C-alpha cells in the first residue's frame, strides 16, 4: 500500500512583499545617492588653476591681485594669496542709473563693502585687516544684454597676503 504525500507547499515571501522590498530598496539607494551628491557639492571647493574671471566661484583664492584680469589662477587657500572671492552679486536690479563702467563698479564695490560690514559670506577672521573690491563687473552694455553677475573679493588692507580660507557659505 502506498501513501500519497501532500503536495509540497511553497515557502518564502508572497509576491507583494518581494515587490515592496524591491521598491523600498530602490528608494533607499536613490536617497543615499542624493545625500552623497549634496555633500560632495557642498564640500568640494573651486577647481584650481587658470580660470576665466566670469567662471570664478565664491571661495576661490586667487594668485593674482587686481580686479580687471580676464583669467585668474585659483590656488590653495592655505598658501599665501593676494585675494579671495567671497560673494556673488546679481546686478540685474536697480542699476539703470549706472550708465558708466566706473559707476557700476563703484556700486558693486559698495555692495561688497556691506557684505563685509555685516559679516556675510566671511568668517570671523575677516576683520579690519581686510578690504573688499568688486571683480568681473559687467560693462553697462553687457548688463543691458543680460550679464548681471559680479563678484566680491577680499584682500589684505595693507597689501599683505591672505593665508587661510576666509569664505563662509551662507546656510
N, C-alpha and C. Protein backbone atom coordinates (compact mmCIF):
# COMPACT_ATOMS: atom_id res chain seq x y z
N UNK A 1 0.82 -1.14 0.00
CA UNK A 1 0.00 0.00 0.00
C UNK A 1 0.89 1.23 0.00
N UNK A 2 0.53 2.19 -0.84
CA UNK A 2 1.31 3.43 -0.92
C UNK A 2 0.51 4.56 -0.28
N UNK A 3 1.22 5.38 0.35
CA UNK A 3 0.59 6.54 0.99
C UNK A 3 0.89 7.75 0.13
N UNK A 4 -0.18 8.40 -0.27
CA UNK A 4 0.02 9.63 -1.05
C UNK A 4 0.50 10.73 -0.11
N UNK A 5 1.56 11.41 -0.55
CA UNK A 5 2.04 12.52 0.27
C UNK A 5 1.40 13.82 -0.23
N UNK A 6 1.29 14.71 0.66
CA UNK A 6 0.68 16.00 0.32
C UNK A 6 1.62 16.75 -0.62
N UNK A 7 1.08 17.52 -1.54
CA UNK A 7 1.96 18.27 -2.44
C UNK A 7 2.81 19.26 -1.63
N UNK A 8 4.03 19.51 -2.11
CA UNK A 8 4.89 20.42 -1.35
C UNK A 8 4.29 21.84 -1.35
N UNK A 9 4.43 22.51 -0.23
CA UNK A 9 3.92 23.88 -0.12
C UNK A 9 5.05 24.85 -0.47
N UNK A 10 4.67 25.98 -1.01
CA UNK A 10 5.66 27.00 -1.33
C UNK A 10 6.12 27.66 -0.03
N UNK A 11 7.38 27.90 0.02
CA UNK A 11 7.92 28.60 1.18
C UNK A 11 8.50 29.92 0.70
N UNK A 12 8.57 30.90 1.53
CA UNK A 12 9.12 32.20 1.16
C UNK A 12 8.07 33.28 1.28
N UNK A 13 8.44 34.43 0.84
CA UNK A 13 7.57 35.60 0.95
C UNK A 13 6.58 35.65 -0.19
N UNK A 14 5.43 36.22 0.07
CA UNK A 14 4.48 36.39 -1.02
C UNK A 14 5.02 37.42 -2.02
N UNK A 15 4.50 37.37 -3.20
CA UNK A 15 4.98 38.23 -4.29
C UNK A 15 4.87 39.70 -3.92
N UNK A 16 3.79 40.13 -3.31
CA UNK A 16 3.61 41.54 -2.97
C UNK A 16 4.69 42.01 -1.99
N UNK A 17 5.14 41.14 -1.10
CA UNK A 17 6.19 41.51 -0.15
C UNK A 17 7.53 41.69 -0.86
N UNK A 18 7.81 40.85 -1.83
CA UNK A 18 9.06 40.96 -2.61
C UNK A 18 9.08 42.27 -3.38
N UNK A 19 7.94 42.61 -3.99
CA UNK A 19 7.85 43.87 -4.75
C UNK A 19 8.03 45.05 -3.80
N UNK A 20 7.40 45.01 -2.64
CA UNK A 20 7.52 46.09 -1.66
C UNK A 20 8.96 46.25 -1.19
N UNK A 21 9.66 45.17 -0.96
CA UNK A 21 11.06 45.23 -0.54
C UNK A 21 11.93 45.81 -1.66
N UNK A 22 11.68 45.41 -2.89
CA UNK A 22 12.46 45.92 -4.02
C UNK A 22 12.24 47.42 -4.20
N UNK A 23 11.01 47.88 -4.12
CA UNK A 23 10.71 49.31 -4.26
C UNK A 23 11.34 50.10 -3.11
N UNK A 24 11.23 49.60 -1.91
CA UNK A 24 11.84 50.26 -0.75
C UNK A 24 13.35 50.35 -0.88
N UNK A 25 13.97 49.28 -1.37
CA UNK A 25 15.42 49.29 -1.58
C UNK A 25 15.83 50.30 -2.63
N UNK A 26 15.06 50.40 -3.71
CA UNK A 26 15.37 51.38 -4.77
C UNK A 26 15.25 52.80 -4.24
N UNK A 27 14.23 53.07 -3.44
CA UNK A 27 14.06 54.40 -2.86
C UNK A 27 15.22 54.71 -1.92
N UNK A 28 15.62 53.77 -1.10
CA UNK A 28 16.73 53.99 -0.16
C UNK A 28 18.03 54.28 -0.90
N UNK A 29 18.31 53.54 -1.96
CA UNK A 29 19.53 53.77 -2.74
C UNK A 29 19.50 55.16 -3.38
N UNK A 30 18.33 55.58 -3.89
CA UNK A 30 18.20 56.90 -4.50
C UNK A 30 18.43 58.00 -3.48
N UNK A 31 17.85 57.88 -2.31
CA UNK A 31 18.02 58.89 -1.26
C UNK A 31 19.47 58.97 -0.82
N UNK A 32 20.12 57.84 -0.64
CA UNK A 32 21.53 57.83 -0.24
C UNK A 32 22.38 58.48 -1.32
N UNK A 33 22.10 58.21 -2.58
CA UNK A 33 22.84 58.83 -3.68
C UNK A 33 22.68 60.33 -3.70
N UNK A 34 21.46 60.82 -3.47
CA UNK A 34 21.22 62.26 -3.44
C UNK A 34 21.95 62.92 -2.28
N UNK A 35 21.93 62.30 -1.11
CA UNK A 35 22.63 62.84 0.05
C UNK A 35 24.13 62.93 -0.23
N UNK A 36 24.70 61.91 -0.82
CA UNK A 36 26.13 61.92 -1.16
C UNK A 36 26.43 63.02 -2.18
N UNK A 37 25.57 63.19 -3.17
CA UNK A 37 25.79 64.23 -4.18
C UNK A 37 25.75 65.62 -3.56
N UNK A 38 24.83 65.86 -2.63
CA UNK A 38 24.75 67.16 -1.97
C UNK A 38 25.98 67.39 -1.11
N UNK A 39 26.42 66.40 -0.38
CA UNK A 39 27.61 66.54 0.46
C UNK A 39 28.83 66.84 -0.38
N UNK A 40 29.00 66.15 -1.48
CA UNK A 40 30.15 66.38 -2.35
C UNK A 40 30.10 67.79 -2.94
N UNK A 41 28.92 68.25 -3.36
CA UNK A 41 28.83 69.59 -3.96
C UNK A 41 29.07 70.68 -2.93
N UNK A 42 28.67 70.47 -1.68
CA UNK A 42 28.86 71.49 -0.65
C UNK A 42 30.32 71.55 -0.22
N UNK A 43 30.98 70.43 -0.09
CA UNK A 43 32.33 70.41 0.45
C UNK A 43 33.42 70.43 -0.61
N UNK A 44 33.06 70.40 -1.87
CA UNK A 44 34.10 70.50 -2.88
C UNK A 44 34.32 71.96 -3.21
N UNK A 45 35.55 72.38 -3.18
CA UNK A 45 35.88 73.77 -3.45
C UNK A 45 36.04 74.02 -4.93
N UNK A 46 36.34 75.25 -5.26
CA UNK A 46 36.55 75.58 -6.67
C UNK A 46 37.77 74.85 -7.24
N UNK A 47 37.74 74.60 -8.53
CA UNK A 47 38.85 73.92 -9.19
C UNK A 47 40.07 74.83 -9.22
N UNK A 48 41.25 74.28 -9.01
CA UNK A 48 42.50 75.05 -9.02
C UNK A 48 42.98 75.22 -10.46
N UNK A 49 43.76 76.26 -10.66
CA UNK A 49 44.37 76.51 -11.96
C UNK A 49 43.77 77.73 -12.63
N UNK A 50 44.20 77.98 -13.87
CA UNK A 50 43.69 79.15 -14.60
C UNK A 50 42.18 79.06 -14.81
N UNK A 51 41.49 80.14 -14.47
CA UNK A 51 40.04 80.19 -14.56
C UNK A 51 39.63 81.57 -15.07
N UNK A 52 38.72 81.60 -16.02
CA UNK A 52 38.21 82.88 -16.50
C UNK A 52 37.51 83.60 -15.36
N UNK A 53 37.62 84.92 -15.35
CA UNK A 53 37.03 85.72 -14.27
C UNK A 53 35.54 85.44 -14.12
N UNK A 54 34.84 85.29 -15.20
CA UNK A 54 33.40 85.06 -15.15
C UNK A 54 33.05 83.69 -14.57
N UNK A 55 34.00 82.76 -14.54
CA UNK A 55 33.74 81.40 -14.05
C UNK A 55 34.21 81.20 -12.61
N UNK A 56 34.77 82.22 -11.98
CA UNK A 56 35.21 82.09 -10.59
C UNK A 56 34.02 81.86 -9.69
N UNK A 57 34.26 81.19 -8.57
CA UNK A 57 33.21 80.88 -7.61
C UNK A 57 33.58 81.46 -6.26
N UNK A 58 32.58 81.76 -5.42
CA UNK A 58 32.90 82.16 -4.06
C UNK A 58 33.74 81.06 -3.39
N UNK A 59 34.78 81.49 -2.69
CA UNK A 59 35.71 80.56 -2.06
C UNK A 59 37.00 80.44 -2.83
N UNK A 60 37.06 80.92 -4.07
CA UNK A 60 38.27 80.83 -4.89
C UNK A 60 39.34 81.77 -4.33
N UNK A 61 40.51 81.23 -4.04
CA UNK A 61 41.66 82.03 -3.64
C UNK A 61 42.49 82.27 -4.89
N UNK A 62 42.87 83.52 -5.11
CA UNK A 62 43.49 83.91 -6.37
C UNK A 62 44.95 84.26 -6.19
N UNK A 63 45.77 83.86 -7.17
CA UNK A 63 47.21 84.12 -7.13
C UNK A 63 47.54 85.53 -7.61
N UNK A 64 46.61 86.17 -8.32
CA UNK A 64 46.85 87.50 -8.87
C UNK A 64 46.08 88.54 -8.07
N UNK A 65 46.61 89.74 -8.08
CA UNK A 65 45.93 90.87 -7.48
C UNK A 65 45.29 91.67 -8.60
N UNK A 66 44.30 92.47 -8.29
CA UNK A 66 43.66 93.29 -9.29
C UNK A 66 42.28 92.79 -9.62
N UNK A 67 41.47 93.70 -10.18
CA UNK A 67 40.08 93.38 -10.45
C UNK A 67 39.72 93.38 -11.92
N UNK A 68 40.71 93.51 -12.79
CA UNK A 68 40.38 93.67 -14.20
C UNK A 68 41.02 92.64 -15.12
N UNK A 69 41.46 91.52 -14.58
CA UNK A 69 42.06 90.48 -15.41
C UNK A 69 40.97 89.61 -16.04
N UNK A 70 41.27 89.05 -17.19
CA UNK A 70 40.33 88.14 -17.85
C UNK A 70 40.44 86.72 -17.28
N UNK A 71 41.67 86.33 -16.83
CA UNK A 71 41.91 84.99 -16.30
C UNK A 71 42.69 85.13 -14.99
N UNK A 72 42.26 84.37 -13.99
CA UNK A 72 42.93 84.32 -12.69
C UNK A 72 43.36 82.89 -12.43
N UNK A 73 44.37 82.74 -11.58
CA UNK A 73 44.82 81.41 -11.18
C UNK A 73 44.27 81.12 -9.79
N UNK A 74 43.43 80.10 -9.68
CA UNK A 74 42.87 79.68 -8.40
C UNK A 74 43.89 78.79 -7.71
N UNK A 75 44.22 79.12 -6.46
CA UNK A 75 45.26 78.40 -5.71
C UNK A 75 44.69 77.88 -4.39
N UNK A 76 45.49 77.09 -3.71
CA UNK A 76 45.15 76.55 -2.39
C UNK A 76 45.07 77.71 -1.40
N UNK A 77 43.98 77.81 -0.67
CA UNK A 77 43.80 78.92 0.28
C UNK A 77 44.75 78.84 1.47
N UNK A 78 45.33 77.69 1.73
CA UNK A 78 46.27 77.58 2.84
C UNK A 78 47.61 78.22 2.54
N UNK A 79 47.88 78.50 1.27
CA UNK A 79 49.11 79.18 0.87
C UNK A 79 48.83 80.69 0.78
N UNK A 80 49.84 81.53 0.98
CA UNK A 80 49.61 82.97 0.86
C UNK A 80 49.07 83.33 -0.53
N UNK A 81 48.06 84.19 -0.55
CA UNK A 81 47.43 84.62 -1.79
C UNK A 81 46.95 86.06 -1.61
N UNK A 82 46.94 86.86 -2.69
CA UNK A 82 46.57 88.27 -2.54
C UNK A 82 45.08 88.55 -2.38
N UNK A 83 44.23 87.67 -2.90
CA UNK A 83 42.80 87.93 -2.76
C UNK A 83 41.99 86.65 -2.84
N UNK A 84 40.76 86.73 -2.31
CA UNK A 84 39.85 85.60 -2.31
C UNK A 84 38.45 86.09 -2.65
N UNK A 85 37.78 85.35 -3.54
CA UNK A 85 36.39 85.64 -3.89
C UNK A 85 35.53 85.16 -2.72
N UNK A 86 34.63 86.04 -2.25
CA UNK A 86 33.80 85.61 -1.12
C UNK A 86 32.29 85.76 -1.34
N UNK A 87 31.88 86.44 -2.40
CA UNK A 87 30.44 86.59 -2.63
C UNK A 87 30.17 86.84 -4.10
N UNK A 88 28.94 86.57 -4.46
CA UNK A 88 28.47 86.82 -5.82
C UNK A 88 27.35 87.86 -5.74
N UNK A 89 27.33 88.78 -6.69
CA UNK A 89 26.32 89.85 -6.72
C UNK A 89 25.49 89.70 -7.99
N UNK A 90 24.19 89.91 -7.85
CA UNK A 90 23.31 89.97 -9.02
C UNK A 90 22.98 91.44 -9.26
N UNK A 91 23.53 92.00 -10.33
CA UNK A 91 23.34 93.41 -10.64
C UNK A 91 22.13 93.67 -11.54
N UNK A 92 21.23 92.73 -11.64
CA UNK A 92 20.09 92.91 -12.54
C UNK A 92 19.03 93.85 -11.98
N UNK A 93 19.16 94.23 -10.72
CA UNK A 93 18.17 95.12 -10.10
C UNK A 93 18.78 96.48 -9.81
N UNK A 94 17.99 97.49 -9.96
CA UNK A 94 18.35 98.86 -9.54
C UNK A 94 19.66 99.37 -10.12
N UNK A 95 19.98 99.02 -11.33
CA UNK A 95 21.24 99.51 -11.90
C UNK A 95 21.04 100.36 -13.14
N UNK A 96 19.82 100.71 -13.47
CA UNK A 96 19.56 101.50 -14.68
C UNK A 96 20.24 102.86 -14.63
N UNK A 97 20.43 103.41 -13.43
CA UNK A 97 21.04 104.72 -13.31
C UNK A 97 22.56 104.68 -13.44
N UNK A 98 23.15 103.52 -13.44
CA UNK A 98 24.61 103.40 -13.56
C UNK A 98 24.96 103.18 -15.02
N UNK A 99 25.26 104.26 -15.71
CA UNK A 99 25.45 104.20 -17.16
C UNK A 99 26.92 104.15 -17.57
N UNK A 100 27.84 104.21 -16.61
CA UNK A 100 29.27 104.11 -16.94
C UNK A 100 29.87 102.94 -16.19
N UNK A 101 30.99 102.45 -16.69
CA UNK A 101 31.68 101.34 -16.03
C UNK A 101 32.13 101.74 -14.63
N UNK A 102 32.62 102.96 -14.48
CA UNK A 102 33.09 103.44 -13.18
C UNK A 102 31.96 103.45 -12.16
N UNK A 103 30.79 103.95 -12.56
CA UNK A 103 29.65 104.00 -11.64
C UNK A 103 29.18 102.60 -11.27
N UNK A 104 29.13 101.70 -12.24
CA UNK A 104 28.68 100.33 -11.99
C UNK A 104 29.67 99.59 -11.08
N UNK A 105 30.96 99.79 -11.31
CA UNK A 105 31.98 99.16 -10.47
C UNK A 105 31.93 99.72 -9.05
N UNK A 106 31.71 101.02 -8.92
CA UNK A 106 31.60 101.64 -7.60
C UNK A 106 30.39 101.11 -6.84
N UNK A 107 29.27 100.96 -7.53
CA UNK A 107 28.06 100.40 -6.93
C UNK A 107 28.30 98.97 -6.45
N UNK A 108 28.91 98.16 -7.30
CA UNK A 108 29.21 96.77 -6.92
C UNK A 108 30.17 96.74 -5.73
N UNK A 109 31.15 97.64 -5.72
CA UNK A 109 32.09 97.71 -4.61
C UNK A 109 31.41 98.05 -3.29
N UNK A 110 30.40 98.92 -3.35
CA UNK A 110 29.65 99.26 -2.13
C UNK A 110 28.86 98.05 -1.61
N UNK A 111 28.31 97.26 -2.51
CA UNK A 111 27.61 96.05 -2.08
C UNK A 111 28.60 95.11 -1.39
N UNK A 112 29.78 94.95 -1.96
CA UNK A 112 30.80 94.09 -1.36
C UNK A 112 31.18 94.59 0.03
N UNK A 113 31.33 95.92 0.16
CA UNK A 113 31.68 96.50 1.46
C UNK A 113 30.59 96.23 2.49
N UNK A 114 29.33 96.25 2.09
CA UNK A 114 28.23 95.97 3.03
C UNK A 114 28.26 94.49 3.45
N UNK A 115 28.56 93.59 2.50
CA UNK A 115 28.67 92.17 2.87
C UNK A 115 29.71 91.99 3.96
N UNK A 116 30.87 92.63 3.81
CA UNK A 116 31.92 92.52 4.82
C UNK A 116 31.49 93.18 6.12
N UNK A 117 30.89 94.36 6.04
CA UNK A 117 30.46 95.09 7.23
C UNK A 117 29.48 94.26 8.06
N UNK A 118 28.56 93.57 7.39
CA UNK A 118 27.56 92.77 8.09
C UNK A 118 28.02 91.34 8.36
N UNK A 119 29.24 91.00 7.96
CA UNK A 119 29.78 89.67 8.21
C UNK A 119 29.14 88.58 7.37
N UNK A 120 28.64 88.94 6.18
CA UNK A 120 28.01 87.95 5.31
C UNK A 120 29.05 87.29 4.42
N UNK A 121 29.00 86.00 4.33
CA UNK A 121 29.87 85.18 3.47
C UNK A 121 31.33 85.16 3.93
N UNK A 122 31.64 85.68 5.09
CA UNK A 122 33.03 85.70 5.56
C UNK A 122 33.10 85.10 6.96
N UNK A 123 34.26 84.54 7.28
CA UNK A 123 34.48 84.01 8.62
C UNK A 123 34.77 85.16 9.58
N UNK A 124 34.82 84.86 10.84
CA UNK A 124 35.11 85.89 11.84
C UNK A 124 36.53 86.42 11.71
N UNK A 125 37.41 85.68 11.04
CA UNK A 125 38.79 86.12 10.85
C UNK A 125 38.89 87.29 9.88
N UNK A 126 37.84 87.53 9.09
CA UNK A 126 37.84 88.67 8.17
C UNK A 126 37.41 89.90 8.95
N UNK A 127 38.39 90.62 9.46
CA UNK A 127 38.10 91.79 10.28
C UNK A 127 38.65 93.05 9.62
N UNK A 128 39.16 93.96 10.40
CA UNK A 128 39.66 95.23 9.86
C UNK A 128 40.95 95.08 9.06
N UNK A 129 41.51 93.88 9.02
CA UNK A 129 42.75 93.69 8.27
C UNK A 129 42.51 93.39 6.80
N UNK A 130 41.23 93.32 6.40
CA UNK A 130 40.92 93.04 5.00
C UNK A 130 40.07 94.16 4.42
N UNK A 131 40.10 94.26 3.12
CA UNK A 131 39.28 95.21 2.38
C UNK A 131 38.61 94.47 1.24
N UNK A 132 37.60 95.08 0.67
CA UNK A 132 36.84 94.42 -0.40
C UNK A 132 36.99 95.18 -1.71
N UNK A 133 36.70 94.48 -2.78
CA UNK A 133 36.65 95.07 -4.11
C UNK A 133 35.69 94.24 -4.95
N UNK A 134 35.19 94.84 -6.02
CA UNK A 134 34.32 94.13 -6.96
C UNK A 134 35.17 93.62 -8.11
N UNK A 135 34.88 92.41 -8.54
CA UNK A 135 35.64 91.74 -9.60
C UNK A 135 34.67 91.26 -10.67
N UNK A 136 35.10 91.24 -11.91
CA UNK A 136 34.31 90.73 -13.02
C UNK A 136 32.98 91.47 -13.15
N UNK A 137 33.01 92.78 -12.95
CA UNK A 137 31.80 93.59 -13.08
C UNK A 137 31.50 93.74 -14.58
N UNK A 138 30.29 93.43 -15.00
CA UNK A 138 29.97 93.55 -16.41
C UNK A 138 29.93 95.02 -16.84
N UNK A 139 30.15 95.27 -18.10
CA UNK A 139 30.02 96.62 -18.64
C UNK A 139 28.53 96.98 -18.68
N UNK A 140 28.21 98.27 -18.76
CA UNK A 140 26.79 98.63 -18.88
C UNK A 140 26.12 97.97 -20.09
N UNK A 141 26.86 97.79 -21.18
CA UNK A 141 26.30 97.13 -22.36
C UNK A 141 26.04 95.65 -22.08
N UNK A 142 26.98 94.99 -21.42
CA UNK A 142 26.80 93.57 -21.07
C UNK A 142 25.67 93.41 -20.08
N UNK A 143 25.54 94.35 -19.15
CA UNK A 143 24.44 94.30 -18.19
C UNK A 143 23.10 94.43 -18.90
N UNK A 144 23.02 95.35 -19.86
CA UNK A 144 21.78 95.52 -20.63
C UNK A 144 21.46 94.28 -21.44
N UNK A 145 22.51 93.53 -21.84
CA UNK A 145 22.31 92.30 -22.62
C UNK A 145 21.99 91.09 -21.74
N UNK A 146 22.00 91.29 -20.40
CA UNK A 146 21.62 90.19 -19.51
C UNK A 146 22.73 89.61 -18.66
N UNK A 147 23.96 90.06 -18.81
CA UNK A 147 25.07 89.57 -17.98
C UNK A 147 25.12 90.40 -16.71
N UNK A 148 24.59 89.87 -15.62
CA UNK A 148 24.42 90.67 -14.40
C UNK A 148 25.24 90.18 -13.22
N UNK A 149 26.13 89.24 -13.40
CA UNK A 149 26.89 88.66 -12.29
C UNK A 149 28.21 89.40 -12.08
N UNK A 150 28.48 89.76 -10.82
CA UNK A 150 29.77 90.32 -10.42
C UNK A 150 30.20 89.58 -9.15
N UNK A 151 31.45 89.71 -8.78
CA UNK A 151 31.99 89.00 -7.62
C UNK A 151 32.61 89.99 -6.64
N UNK A 152 32.65 89.60 -5.38
CA UNK A 152 33.31 90.38 -4.34
C UNK A 152 34.56 89.64 -3.91
N UNK A 153 35.65 90.39 -3.70
CA UNK A 153 36.88 89.78 -3.23
C UNK A 153 37.35 90.44 -1.95
N UNK A 154 38.13 89.68 -1.20
CA UNK A 154 38.81 90.18 -0.01
C UNK A 154 40.29 90.25 -0.33
N UNK A 155 40.96 91.24 0.22
CA UNK A 155 42.42 91.33 0.12
C UNK A 155 42.93 92.00 1.38
N UNK A 156 44.22 91.87 1.64
CA UNK A 156 44.81 92.48 2.82
C UNK A 156 44.70 94.00 2.74
N UNK A 157 44.23 94.64 3.80
CA UNK A 157 44.03 96.09 3.79
C UNK A 157 45.34 96.84 3.58
N UNK A 158 46.44 96.27 4.05
CA UNK A 158 47.74 96.92 3.89
C UNK A 158 48.52 96.34 2.71
N UNK A 159 47.86 95.57 1.87
CA UNK A 159 48.52 94.97 0.72
C UNK A 159 49.18 93.64 1.02
N UNK A 160 49.08 93.18 2.27
CA UNK A 160 49.69 91.90 2.63
C UNK A 160 48.86 90.74 2.09
N UNK A 161 49.50 89.59 2.00
CA UNK A 161 48.83 88.39 1.50
C UNK A 161 47.89 87.83 2.56
N UNK A 162 46.89 87.14 2.10
CA UNK A 162 45.97 86.41 2.97
C UNK A 162 46.47 84.99 3.12
N UNK A 163 46.26 84.40 4.26
CA UNK A 163 46.57 82.99 4.47
C UNK A 163 45.36 82.36 5.15
N UNK A 164 44.83 81.35 4.54
CA UNK A 164 43.66 80.69 5.08
C UNK A 164 42.42 81.04 4.29
N UNK A 165 41.39 80.26 4.52
CA UNK A 165 40.12 80.42 3.82
C UNK A 165 39.23 81.35 4.64
N UNK A 166 38.86 82.49 4.09
CA UNK A 166 38.02 83.46 4.78
C UNK A 166 36.56 83.39 4.32
N UNK A 167 36.26 82.50 3.40
CA UNK A 167 34.91 82.36 2.86
C UNK A 167 34.07 81.45 3.74
N UNK A 168 32.83 81.89 3.98
CA UNK A 168 31.87 81.07 4.71
C UNK A 168 30.56 81.05 3.93
N UNK A 169 30.18 79.90 3.39
CA UNK A 169 28.91 79.85 2.66
C UNK A 169 27.75 80.13 3.60
N UNK A 170 26.76 80.77 3.09
CA UNK A 170 25.56 81.03 3.88
C UNK A 170 24.75 79.74 3.97
N UNK A 171 24.14 79.50 5.12
CA UNK A 171 23.34 78.27 5.26
C UNK A 171 22.10 78.28 4.40
